[in-house]
Amino acid sequence: MKKLNFVSIILIVVFSVLSVSAQPPGGVVIVGEGEESLRSIIEFLLFYGPPGQETIVTVGEIPESAPFDLRLPDGVTLVGSVDRGMGFGGIEVWMLSEDSIEATSAAFSDLLTADGWTIPEGIFGMQPGGFVPVVSIDTGYCQDQQFITISTQKRDDDQTAVILRYDDFNTPSFCLEQDAPEDPYNAPYMLIPALTLPDGVGIRQETRGGRGGGGGGYGPMSAETSVALVSELPANEIAASYNSQLEAAGWDLIDSNSGDVAGWSSWTFHDDKDQLWSGIFTLTKLPATENAYFAFIHIEQAPEK
């Protein structure tokens, strides 16, 4: 098993602390030398809790207190871990992967499910849908009333940071129940596939959005998501990429049209209960902002016949 030097551990510790934000951190640059100073930095970054609470950082190993075994996929290096105590942050294990976030997440999923861990069904075992830049994948696993999460996140150096988190003080209820509770408000939103950015297209900062709801006396179950994009490409090329992703997700194309400044498509699909849904995708270029687009998806459950 490969192990990393102390400076590498500092880098991924900083990444771990910053990764609680919605966006990935930029590159971390360490200026100066001295292992003792770096150890002090780790103490400041990782400790929180009441006076006297012990935080144990272990280099190149998982904590001795960890109640689980951890197998690493090929190409994954164990960096280190921290044990803050149950109820005060629990255990984090830090790793680096040479593979993509998608391949790394899938490799951990294969190993964990082979070892008896299960991904909770329903809303809690799914990734958010809609217009999302794929910078991280978070997956939860249950086993014997224990719950861990594996987060794979892109780094600026083209490596993938992997963070395992465990705290038995906060075991969610869906790991204690046979059937996961449903979330009727957000469940429709989860039916929208996660759509990655086409090549040559970016997201204008802090403009993504999405919501789901409806049902009962509030109209049909529905969800929608939107995003403001920036690109020099014509609308028909951008729309074609998103249409291909919707088709790959199992949606059936009903009709579409697109040109240089706008595009649209209409769809149908079935959920896991075989209920029929309608979906529309639109993309429009903003006339007063250079290279700016607005994309929108709306889905709505079809009425029963």
C-alpha atoms as a PDB file:
ATOM      1  CA  MET A   1       0.000   0.000   0.000  1.00  0.00           C
ATOM      2  CA  LYS A   2       1.428   3.367  -1.065  1.00  0.00           C
ATOM      3  CA  LYS A   3       1.812   6.092   1.558  1.00  0.00           C
ATOM      4  CA  LEU A   4       2.367   9.811   1.121  1.00  0.00           C
ATOM      5  CA  ASN A   5       4.697  12.289   2.776  1.00  0.00           C
ATOM      6  CA  PHE A   6       3.596  14.752   5.432  1.00  0.00           C
ATOM      7  CA  VAL A   7       3.176  17.700   3.041  1.00  0.00           C
ATOM      8  CA  SER A   8       0.778  15.640   0.915  1.00  0.00           C
ATOM      9  CA  ILE A   9      -1.264  14.958   4.032  1.00  0.00           C
ATOM     10  CA  ILE A  10      -1.459  18.698   4.771  1.00  0.00           C
ATOM     11  CA  LEU A  11      -2.754  19.323   1.247  1.00  0.00           C
ATOM     12  CA  ILE A  12      -5.563  16.804   1.446  1.00  0.00           C
ATOM     13  CA  VAL A  13      -6.461  17.902   5.001  1.00  0.00           C
ATOM     14  CA  VAL A  14      -6.934  21.458   3.738  1.00  0.00           C
ATOM     15  CA  PHE A  15      -8.935  20.087   0.796  1.00  0.00           C
ATOM     16  CA  SER A  16     -11.109  18.095   3.198  1.00  0.00           C
ATOM     17  CA  VAL A  17     -11.825  21.133   5.363  1.00  0.00           C
ATOM     18  CA  LEU A  18     -12.669  23.274   2.334  1.00  0.00           C
ATOM     19  CA  SER A  19     -14.771  20.573   0.658  1.00  0.00           C
ATOM     20  CA  VAL A  20     -17.759  21.324   2.863  1.00  0.00           C
ATOM     21  CA  SER A  21     -18.495  24.187   0.466  1.00  0.00           C
ATOM     22  CA  ALA A  22     -20.580  23.661  -2.662  1.00  0.00           C
ATOM     23  CA  GLN A  23     -17.701  24.413  -5.007  1.00  0.00           C
ATOM     24  CA  PRO A  24     -14.335  22.615  -5.137  1.00  0.00           C
ATOM     25  CA  PRO A  25     -11.378  24.494  -3.702  1.00  0.00           C
ATOM     26  CA  GLY A  26      -8.635  25.875  -5.865  1.00  0.00           C
ATOM     27  CA  GLY A  27      -5.032  24.729  -5.707  1.00  0.00           C
ATOM     28  CA  VAL A  28      -3.424  24.740  -2.256  1.00  0.00           C
ATOM     29  CA  VAL A  29       0.081  26.235  -2.114  1.00  0.00           C
ATOM     30  CA  ILE A  30       2.245  25.788   1.001  1.00  0.00           C
ATOM     31  CA  VAL A  31       4.794  28.547   1.551  1.00  0.00           C
ATOM     32  CA  GLY A  32       7.618  27.929   4.009  1.00  0.00           C
ATOM     33  CA  GLU A  33       9.083  24.839   5.628  1.00  0.00           C
ATOM     34  CA  GLY A  34       9.076  22.983   8.926  1.00  0.00           C
ATOM     35  CA  GLU A  35       7.230  19.816   9.833  1.00  0.00           C
ATOM     36  CA  GLU A  36       6.454  21.052  13.340  1.00  0.00           C
ATOM     37  CA  SER A  37       4.656  24.091  11.934  1.00  0.00           C
ATOM     38  CA  LEU A  38       2.711  21.849   9.570  1.00  0.00           C
ATOM     39  CA  ARG A  39       1.701  19.644  12.478  1.00  0.00           C
ATOM     40  CA  SER A  40       0.425  22.728  14.309  1.00  0.00           C
ATOM     41  CA  ILE A  41      -1.585  23.702  11.229  1.00  0.00           C
ATOM     42  CA  ILE A  42      -3.217  20.262  11.256  1.00  0.00           C
ATOM     43  CA  GLU A  43      -4.141  20.722  14.925  1.00  0.00           C
ATOM     44  CA  PHE A  44      -5.831  24.050  14.180  1.00  0.00           C
ATOM     45  CA  LEU A  45      -7.654  22.708  11.109  1.00  0.00           C
ATOM     46  CA  LEU A  46      -8.929  19.439  12.500  1.00  0.00           C
ATOM     47  CA  PHE A  47      -9.738  19.962  16.154  1.00  0.00           C
ATOM     48  CA  TYR A  48     -13.169  20.937  17.352  1.00  0.00           C
ATOM     49  CA  GLY A  49     -15.157  19.814  20.329  1.00  0.00           C
ATOM     50  CA  PRO A  50     -15.293  20.432  24.072  1.00  0.00           C
ATOM     51  CA  PRO A  51     -12.165  20.946  26.178  1.00  0.00           C
ATOM     52  CA  GLY A  52     -10.418  17.638  26.740  1.00  0.00           C
ATOM     53  CA  GLN A  53     -11.885  16.006  23.632  1.00  0.00           C
ATOM     54  CA  GLU A  54      -9.093  14.073  21.905  1.00  0.00           C
ATOM     55  CA  THR A  55      -8.570  14.230  18.127  1.00  0.00           C
ATOM     56  CA  ILE A  56      -6.241  11.580  16.717  1.00  0.00           C
ATOM     57  CA  VAL A  57      -4.629  12.047  13.288  1.00  0.00           C
ATOM     58  CA  THR A  58      -3.059   8.899  11.833  1.00  0.00           C
ATOM     59  CA  VAL A  59      -0.633   9.050   8.902  1.00  0.00           C
ATOM     60  CA  GLY A  60      -1.150   6.483   6.176  1.00  0.00           C
ATOM     61  CA  GLU A  61      -3.642   4.318   8.102  1.00  0.00           C
ATOM     62  CA  ILE A  62      -7.280   4.199   9.138  1.00  0.00           C
ATOM     63  CA  PRO A  63      -7.881   4.757  12.867  1.00  0.00           C
ATOM     64  CA  GLU A  64      -7.558   1.740  15.148  1.00  0.00           C
ATOM     65  CA  SER A  65     -11.002   2.629  16.487  1.00  0.00           C
ATOM     66  CA  ALA A  66     -12.677   2.221  13.088  1.00  0.00           C
ATOM     67  CA  PRO A  67     -15.356  -0.507  13.382  1.00  0.00           C
ATOM     68  CA  PHE A  68     -15.056  -1.414   9.697  1.00  0.00           C
ATOM     69  CA  ASP A  69     -12.484  -2.804   7.282  1.00  0.00           C
ATOM     70  CA  LEU A  70     -11.629  -0.811   4.174  1.00  0.00           C
ATOM     71  CA  ARG A  71     -10.404  -2.272   0.915  1.00  0.00           C
ATOM     72  CA  LEU A  72      -8.873   0.150  -1.576  1.00  0.00           C
ATOM     73  CA  PRO A  73      -9.435  -0.057  -5.343  1.00  0.00           C
ATOM     74  CA  ASP A  74      -6.427  -0.175  -7.642  1.00  0.00           C
ATOM     75  CA  GLY A  75      -4.835   3.237  -8.085  1.00  0.00           C
ATOM     76  CA  VAL A  76      -6.064   4.576  -4.724  1.00  0.00           C
ATOM     77  CA  THR A  77      -3.523   5.721  -2.114  1.00  0.00           C
ATOM     78  CA  LEU A  78      -4.344   5.930   1.586  1.00  0.00           C
ATOM     79  CA  VAL A  79      -3.211   9.351   2.844  1.00  0.00           C
ATOM     80  CA  GLY A  80      -4.322   9.315   6.456  1.00  0.00           C
ATOM     81  CA  SER A  81      -7.266   9.720   8.789  1.00  0.00           C
ATOM     82  CA  VAL A  82      -8.678  11.610  11.735  1.00  0.00           C
ATOM     83  CA  ASP A  83     -10.776  10.358  14.646  1.00  0.00           C
ATOM     84  CA  ARG A  84     -12.544  13.172  16.509  1.00  0.00           C
ATOM     85  CA  GLY A  85     -14.709  10.834  18.573  1.00  0.00           C
ATOM     86  CA  MET A  86     -18.278   9.745  17.979  1.00  0.00           C
ATOM     87  CA  GLY A  87     -20.686  12.654  18.198  1.00  0.00           C
ATOM     88  CA  PHE A  88     -17.918  15.223  17.595  1.00  0.00           C
ATOM     89  CA  GLY A  89     -17.265  14.592  13.912  1.00  0.00           C
ATOM     90  CA  GLY A  90     -16.477  10.897  13.982  1.00  0.00           C
ATOM     91  CA  ILE A  91     -13.948   9.376  11.601  1.00  0.00           C
ATOM     92  CA  GLU A  92     -12.670  10.676   8.285  1.00  0.00           C
ATOM     93  CA  VAL A  93     -10.345   8.693   6.028  1.00  0.00           C
ATOM     94  CA  TRP A  94      -8.496  10.583   3.267  1.00  0.00           C
ATOM     95  CA  MET A  95      -7.357   9.004   0.033  1.00  0.00           C
ATOM     96  CA  LEU A  96      -6.123   9.994  -3.427  1.00  0.00           C
ATOM     97  CA  SER A  97      -7.044   8.269  -6.680  1.00  0.00           C
ATOM     98  CA  GLU A  98      -5.361   8.353 -10.074  1.00  0.00           C
ATOM     99  CA  ASP A  99      -8.724   7.738 -11.773  1.00  0.00           C
ATOM    100  CA  SER A 100     -11.731   9.965 -12.495  1.00  0.00           C
ATOM    101  CA  ILE A 101     -14.345  10.756  -9.851  1.00  0.00           C
ATOM    102  CA  GLU A 102     -16.881   8.560 -11.662  1.00  0.00           C
ATOM    103  CA  ALA A 103     -14.561   5.551 -12.012  1.00  0.00           C
ATOM    104  CA  THR A 104     -13.292   5.927  -8.435  1.00  0.00           C
ATOM    105  CA  SER A 105     -16.812   6.123  -7.011  1.00  0.00           C
ATOM    106  CA  ALA A 106     -17.849   3.053  -9.022  1.00  0.00           C
ATOM    107  CA  ALA A 107     -14.774   1.102  -7.885  1.00  0.00           C
ATOM    108  CA  PHE A 108     -15.511   1.802  -4.208  1.00  0.00           C
ATOM    109  CA  SER A 109     -19.148   0.870  -4.767  1.00  0.00           C
ATOM    110  CA  ASP A 110     -18.121  -2.490  -6.239  1.00  0.00           C
ATOM    111  CA  LEU A 111     -15.859  -3.293  -3.269  1.00  0.00           C
ATOM    112  CA  LEU A 112     -18.253  -2.090  -0.573  1.00  0.00           C
ATOM    113  CA  THR A 113     -21.314  -3.875  -1.972  1.00  0.00           C
ATOM    114  CA  ALA A 114     -19.236  -7.040  -2.331  1.00  0.00           C
ATOM    115  CA  ASP A 115     -18.423  -6.696   1.387  1.00  0.00           C
ATOM    116  CA  GLY A 116     -22.094  -6.452   2.344  1.00  0.00           C
ATOM    117  CA  TRP A 117     -22.719  -2.709   2.323  1.00  0.00           C
ATOM    118  CA  THR A 118     -25.897  -1.523   0.606  1.00  0.00           C
ATOM    119  CA  ILE A 119     -26.862   1.789  -0.978  1.00  0.00           C
ATOM    120  CA  PRO A 120     -30.172   2.962   0.557  1.00  0.00           C
ATOM    121  CA  GLU A 121     -33.078   2.923  -1.843  1.00  0.00           C
ATOM    122  CA  GLY A 122     -35.140   5.972  -2.646  1.00  0.00           C
ATOM    123  CA  ILE A 123     -34.187   9.599  -2.320  1.00  0.00           C
ATOM    124  CA  PHE A 124     -31.227   8.996   0.022  1.00  0.00           C
ATOM    125  CA  GLY A 125     -29.357   6.709  -2.352  1.00  0.00           C
ATOM    126  CA  MET A 126     -29.562   8.981  -5.385  1.00  0.00           C
ATOM    127  CA  GLN A 127     -27.419  11.783  -6.724  1.00  0.00           C
ATOM    128  CA  PRO A 128     -28.987  15.193  -7.388  1.00  0.00           C
ATOM    129  CA  GLY A 129     -30.315  15.687 -10.892  1.00  0.00           C
ATOM    130  CA  GLY A 130     -30.424  18.614 -13.269  1.00  0.00           C
ATOM    131  CA  PHE A 131     -27.654  20.827 -14.602  1.00  0.00           C
ATOM    132  CA  VAL A 132     -24.707  19.905 -12.433  1.00  0.00           C
ATOM    133  CA  PRO A 133     -20.975  20.225 -13.112  1.00  0.00           C
ATOM    134  CA  VAL A 134     -19.600  16.868 -12.073  1.00  0.00           C
ATOM    135  CA  VAL A 135     -17.013  17.927  -9.487  1.00  0.00           C
ATOM    136  CA  SER A 136     -18.012  15.452  -6.778  1.00  0.00           C
ATOM    137  CA  ILE A 137     -20.022  12.291  -6.205  1.00  0.00           C
ATOM    138  CA  ASP A 138     -21.332  11.454  -2.732  1.00  0.00           C
ATOM    139  CA  THR A 139     -22.723   7.986  -2.016  1.00  0.00           C
ATOM    140  CA  GLY A 140     -24.035   6.601   1.268  1.00  0.00           C
ATOM    141  CA  TYR A 141     -23.777   2.968   2.392  1.00  0.00           C
ATOM    142  CA  CYS A 142     -25.549   1.050   5.170  1.00  0.00           C
ATOM    143  CA  GLN A 143     -24.460  -2.142   6.949  1.00  0.00           C
ATOM    144  CA  ASP A 144     -25.573  -3.531  10.322  1.00  0.00           C
ATOM    145  CA  GLN A 145     -27.095  -0.165  11.325  1.00  0.00           C
ATOM    146  CA  GLN A 146     -23.880   1.637  10.407  1.00  0.00           C
ATOM    147  CA  PHE A 147     -23.641   4.392   7.815  1.00  0.00           C
ATOM    148  CA  ILE A 148     -20.638   5.690   5.851  1.00  0.00           C
ATOM    149  CA  THR A 149     -20.343   8.123   2.983  1.00  0.00           C
ATOM    150  CA  ILE A 150     -17.765   8.042   0.205  1.00  0.00           C
ATOM    151  CA  SER A 151     -17.125  11.397  -1.460  1.00  0.00           C
ATOM    152  CA  THR A 152     -15.006  11.591  -4.616  1.00  0.00           C
ATOM    153  CA  GLN A 153     -13.996  15.119  -5.613  1.00  0.00           C
ATOM    154  CA  LYS A 154     -11.996  16.640  -8.457  1.00  0.00           C
ATOM    155  CA  ARG A 155      -8.715  18.378  -7.652  1.00  0.00           C
ATOM    156  CA  ASP A 156      -6.803  20.946  -9.669  1.00  0.00           C
ATOM    157  CA  ASP A 157      -3.918  18.473 -10.190  1.00  0.00           C
ATOM    158  CA  ASP A 158      -6.210  16.039 -12.103  1.00  0.00           C
ATOM    159  CA  GLN A 159      -6.241  13.613  -9.203  1.00  0.00           C
ATOM    160  CA  THR A 160      -9.381  12.603  -7.335  1.00  0.00           C
ATOM    161  CA  ALA A 161      -9.663  13.202  -3.601  1.00  0.00           C
ATOM    162  CA  VAL A 162     -11.623  10.530  -1.745  1.00  0.00           C
ATOM    163  CA  ILE A 163     -13.042  11.150   1.722  1.00  0.00           C
ATOM    164  CA  LEU A 164     -14.800   8.471   3.804  1.00  0.00           C
ATOM    165  CA  ARG A 165     -16.901   9.751   6.710  1.00  0.00           C
ATOM    166  CA  TYR A 166     -18.361   7.745   9.597  1.00  0.00           C
ATOM    167  CA  ASP A 167     -20.032   8.738  12.877  1.00  0.00           C
ATOM    168  CA  ASP A 168     -22.236   6.188  14.649  1.00  0.00           C
ATOM    169  CA  PHE A 169     -23.707   9.021  16.752  1.00  0.00           C
ATOM    170  CA  ASN A 170     -25.545  10.255  13.647  1.00  0.00           C
ATOM    171  CA  THR A 171     -26.701   7.015  11.998  1.00  0.00           C
ATOM    172  CA  PRO A 172     -29.626   8.098   9.776  1.00  0.00           C
ATOM    173  CA  SER A 173     -33.004   6.483  10.257  1.00  0.00           C
ATOM    174  CA  PHE A 174     -33.013   4.910   6.808  1.00  0.00           C
ATOM    175  CA  CYS A 175     -30.135   2.641   7.857  1.00  0.00           C
ATOM    176  CA  LEU A 176     -32.248   1.459  10.795  1.00  0.00           C
ATOM    177  CA  GLU A 177     -35.358   0.699   8.731  1.00  0.00           C
ATOM    178  CA  GLN A 178     -35.991  -1.920   6.095  1.00  0.00           C
ATOM    179  CA  ASP A 179     -37.655   0.533   3.738  1.00  0.00           C
ATOM    180  CA  ALA A 180     -36.274   4.013   3.194  1.00  0.00           C
ATOM    181  CA  PRO A 181     -38.779   6.805   3.773  1.00  0.00           C
ATOM    182  CA  GLU A 182     -39.752   8.756   0.702  1.00  0.00           C
ATOM    183  CA  ASP A 183     -39.327  12.489   0.321  1.00  0.00           C
ATOM    184  CA  PRO A 184     -42.464  13.582  -1.574  1.00  0.00           C
ATOM    185  CA  TYR A 185     -41.259  17.146  -2.055  1.00  0.00           C
ATOM    186  CA  ASN A 186     -37.893  16.440  -3.658  1.00  0.00           C
ATOM    187  CA  ALA A 187     -38.590  13.010  -5.182  1.00  0.00           C
ATOM    188  CA  PRO A 188     -39.777  14.438  -8.542  1.00  0.00           C
ATOM    189  CA  TYR A 189     -36.608  16.525  -8.812  1.00  0.00           C
ATOM    190  CA  MET A 190     -34.523  13.372  -8.469  1.00  0.00           C
ATOM    191  CA  LEU A 191     -36.146  12.014 -11.639  1.00  0.00           C
ATOM    192  CA  ILE A 192     -34.258  14.600 -13.679  1.00  0.00           C
ATOM    193  CA  PRO A 193     -30.960  13.046 -14.822  1.00  0.00           C
ATOM    194  CA  ALA A 194     -27.693  14.633 -13.767  1.00  0.00           C
ATOM    195  CA  LEU A 195     -26.600  16.504 -16.890  1.00  0.00           C
ATOM    196  CA  THR A 196     -22.928  17.289 -17.373  1.00  0.00           C
ATOM    197  CA  LEU A 197     -21.586  20.338 -19.160  1.00  0.00           C
ATOM    198  CA  PRO A 198     -20.867  19.864 -22.866  1.00  0.00           C
ATOM    199  CA  ASP A 199     -17.348  20.633 -24.060  1.00  0.00           C
ATOM    200  CA  GLY A 200     -16.941  24.355 -24.578  1.00  0.00           C
ATOM    201  CA  VAL A 201     -19.750  25.263 -22.162  1.00  0.00           C
ATOM    202  CA  GLY A 202     -19.432  26.747 -18.669  1.00  0.00           C
ATOM    203  CA  ILE A 203     -21.770  27.671 -15.849  1.00  0.00           C
ATOM    204  CA  ARG A 204     -21.985  31.320 -14.903  1.00  0.00           C
ATOM    205  CA  GLN A 205     -21.179  31.411 -11.184  1.00  0.00           C
ATOM    206  CA  GLU A 206     -23.986  30.953  -8.648  1.00  0.00           C
ATOM    207  CA  THR A 207     -26.800  30.620 -11.165  1.00  0.00           C
ATOM    208  CA  ARG A 208     -27.884  26.972 -10.965  1.00  0.00           C
ATOM    209  CA  GLY A 209     -31.217  26.101  -9.430  1.00  0.00           C
ATOM    210  CA  GLY A 210     -33.885  23.450  -9.175  1.00  0.00           C
ATOM    211  CA  ARG A 211     -36.931  22.415  -7.214  1.00  0.00           C
ATOM    212  CA  GLY A 212     -39.626  19.751  -7.071  1.00  0.00           C
ATOM    213  CA  GLY A 213     -43.075  19.445  -5.580  1.00  0.00           C
ATOM    214  CA  GLY A 214     -46.771  19.298  -6.253  1.00  0.00           C
ATOM    215  CA  GLY A 215     -49.168  16.411  -5.894  1.00  0.00           C
ATOM    216  CA  GLY A 216     -52.285  16.005  -3.803  1.00  0.00           C
ATOM    217  CA  GLY A 217     -54.345  19.176  -3.838  1.00  0.00           C
ATOM    218  CA  TYR A 218     -51.485  21.258  -5.227  1.00  0.00           C
ATOM    219  CA  GLY A 219     -51.616  20.115  -8.866  1.00  0.00           C
ATOM    220  CA  PRO A 220     -49.637  17.409 -10.633  1.00  0.00           C
ATOM    221  CA  MET A 221     -46.294  16.175  -9.318  1.00  0.00           C
ATOM    222  CA  SER A 222     -43.628  18.201 -11.104  1.00  0.00           C
ATOM    223  CA  ALA A 223     -40.063  19.442 -10.932  1.00  0.00           C
ATOM    224  CA  GLU A 224     -37.886  21.875 -12.790  1.00  0.00           C
ATOM    225  CA  THR A 225     -34.278  22.952 -12.963  1.00  0.00           C
ATOM    226  CA  SER A 226     -32.492  25.795 -14.718  1.00  0.00           C
ATOM    227  CA  VAL A 227     -28.999  27.083 -15.274  1.00  0.00           C
ATOM    228  CA  ALA A 228     -27.281  30.110 -16.832  1.00  0.00           C
ATOM    229  CA  LEU A 229     -24.575  29.033 -19.239  1.00  0.00           C
ATOM    230  CA  VAL A 230     -21.748  30.718 -21.092  1.00  0.00           C
ATOM    231  CA  SER A 231     -20.428  29.470 -24.435  1.00  0.00           C
ATOM    232  CA  GLU A 232     -19.282  30.601 -27.864  1.00  0.00           C
ATOM    233  CA  LEU A 233     -21.058  27.605 -29.412  1.00  0.00           C
ATOM    234  CA  PRO A 234     -24.369  27.981 -31.262  1.00  0.00           C
ATOM    235  CA  ALA A 235     -27.508  26.841 -29.450  1.00  0.00           C
ATOM    236  CA  ASN A 236     -28.067  23.816 -31.691  1.00  0.00           C
ATOM    237  CA  GLU A 237     -24.712  22.256 -30.704  1.00  0.00           C
ATOM    238  CA  ILE A 238     -25.330  22.784 -26.988  1.00  0.00           C
ATOM    239  CA  ALA A 239     -28.901  21.474 -27.240  1.00  0.00           C
ATOM    240  CA  ALA A 240     -27.726  18.396 -29.138  1.00  0.00           C
ATOM    241  CA  SER A 241     -25.407  17.458 -26.277  1.00  0.00           C
ATOM    242  CA  TYR A 242     -28.121  17.787 -23.643  1.00  0.00           C
ATOM    243  CA  ASN A 243     -30.618  15.905 -25.828  1.00  0.00           C
ATOM    244  CA  SER A 244     -28.140  13.035 -26.142  1.00  0.00           C
ATOM    245  CA  GLN A 245     -27.772  12.879 -22.347  1.00  0.00           C
ATOM    246  CA  LEU A 246     -31.543  12.813 -21.826  1.00  0.00           C
ATOM    247  CA  GLU A 247     -31.886  10.045 -24.390  1.00  0.00           C
ATOM    248  CA  ALA A 248     -29.077   8.076 -22.736  1.00  0.00           C
ATOM    249  CA  ALA A 249     -30.984   8.377 -19.427  1.00  0.00           C
ATOM    250  CA  GLY A 250     -33.936   6.538 -20.958  1.00  0.00           C
ATOM    251  CA  TRP A 251     -36.101   9.461 -22.008  1.00  0.00           C
ATOM    252  CA  ASP A 252     -38.060   9.069 -25.278  1.00  0.00           C
ATOM    253  CA  LEU A 253     -37.827  11.992 -27.698  1.00  0.00           C
ATOM    254  CA  ILE A 254     -41.190  13.228 -29.004  1.00  0.00           C
ATOM    255  CA  ASP A 255     -40.111  16.310 -31.000  1.00  0.00           C
ATOM    256  CA  SER A 256     -37.303  18.872 -31.163  1.00  0.00           C
ATOM    257  CA  ASN A 257     -36.012  21.883 -33.055  1.00  0.00           C
ATOM    258  CA  SER A 258     -33.014  24.183 -32.699  1.00  0.00           C
ATOM    259  CA  GLY A 259     -31.047  26.951 -34.402  1.00  0.00           C
ATOM    260  CA  ASP A 260     -28.215  29.340 -33.645  1.00  0.00           C
ATOM    261  CA  VAL A 261     -29.935  31.164 -30.759  1.00  0.00           C
ATOM    262  CA  ALA A 262     -32.486  28.715 -29.326  1.00  0.00           C
ATOM    263  CA  GLY A 263     -33.422  25.064 -29.077  1.00  0.00           C
ATOM    264  CA  TRP A 264     -36.119  22.922 -27.517  1.00  0.00           C
ATOM    265  CA  SER A 265     -37.175  19.281 -27.185  1.00  0.00           C
ATOM    266  CA  SER A 266     -40.130  17.408 -25.677  1.00  0.00           C
ATOM    267  CA  TRP A 267     -39.921  14.008 -24.023  1.00  0.00           C
ATOM    268  CA  THR A 268     -41.723  11.256 -22.151  1.00  0.00           C
ATOM    269  CA  PHE A 269     -40.311   8.729 -19.668  1.00  0.00           C
ATOM    270  CA  HIS A 270     -41.462   6.267 -16.982  1.00  0.00           C
ATOM    271  CA  ASP A 271     -40.378   6.251 -13.343  1.00  0.00           C
ATOM    272  CA  ASP A 272     -39.560   3.118 -11.320  1.00  0.00           C
ATOM    273  CA  LYS A 273     -43.283   2.664 -10.605  1.00  0.00           C
ATOM    274  CA  ASP A 274     -43.998   2.709 -14.351  1.00  0.00           C
ATOM    275  CA  GLN A 275     -45.803   6.038 -14.082  1.00  0.00           C
ATOM    276  CA  LEU A 276     -45.645   8.198 -17.212  1.00  0.00           C
ATOM    277  CA  TRP A 277     -43.998  11.634 -17.118  1.00  0.00           C
ATOM    278  CA  SER A 278     -43.650  14.451 -19.639  1.00  0.00           C
ATOM    279  CA  GLY A 279     -40.527  16.561 -19.940  1.00  0.00           C
ATOM    280  CA  ILE A 280     -39.475  19.664 -21.856  1.00  0.00           C
ATOM    281  CA  PHE A 281     -35.994  21.111 -22.402  1.00  0.00           C
ATOM    282  CA  THR A 282     -35.410  24.652 -23.652  1.00  0.00           C
ATOM    283  CA  LEU A 283     -32.240  26.610 -24.370  1.00  0.00           C
ATOM    284  CA  THR A 284     -32.275  30.316 -25.232  1.00  0.00           C
ATOM    285  CA  LYS A 285     -29.467  32.747 -25.954  1.00  0.00           C
ATOM    286  CA  LEU A 286     -29.700  36.003 -24.014  1.00  0.00           C
ATOM    287  CA  PRO A 287     -29.825  38.916 -26.471  1.00  0.00           C
ATOM    288  CA  ALA A 288     -28.040  41.549 -24.357  1.00  0.00           C
ATOM    289  CA  THR A 289     -25.272  39.421 -22.781  1.00  0.00           C
ATOM    290  CA  GLU A 290     -22.443  38.075 -24.914  1.00  0.00           C
ATOM    291  CA  ASN A 291     -22.233  34.257 -25.178  1.00  0.00           C
ATOM    292  CA  ALA A 292     -24.876  33.846 -22.462  1.00  0.00           C
ATOM    293  CA  TYR A 293     -27.560  31.150 -22.493  1.00  0.00           C
ATOM    294  CA  PHE A 294     -30.397  30.101 -20.213  1.00  0.00           C
ATOM    295  CA  ALA A 295     -31.364  26.413 -20.067  1.00  0.00           C
ATOM    296  CA  PHE A 296     -34.510  25.031 -18.454  1.00  0.00           C
ATOM    297  CA  ILE A 297     -36.054  21.592 -17.845  1.00  0.00           C
ATOM    298  CA  HIS A 298     -39.572  20.937 -16.562  1.00  0.00           C
ATOM    299  CA  ILE A 299     -41.055  17.490 -15.843  1.00  0.00           C
ATOM    300  CA  GLU A 300     -44.634  16.704 -14.901  1.00  0.00           C
ATOM    301  CA  GLN A 301     -46.428  13.485 -14.039  1.00  0.00           C
ATOM    302  CA  ALA A 302     -49.048  12.559 -16.642  1.00  0.00           C
ATOM    303  CA  PRO A 303     -52.632  12.227 -15.385  1.00  0.00           C
ATOM    304  CA  GLU A 304     -53.939   8.705 -14.946  1.00  0.00           C
ATOM    305  CA  LYS A 305     -56.306   7.597 -17.690  1.00  0.00           C
END
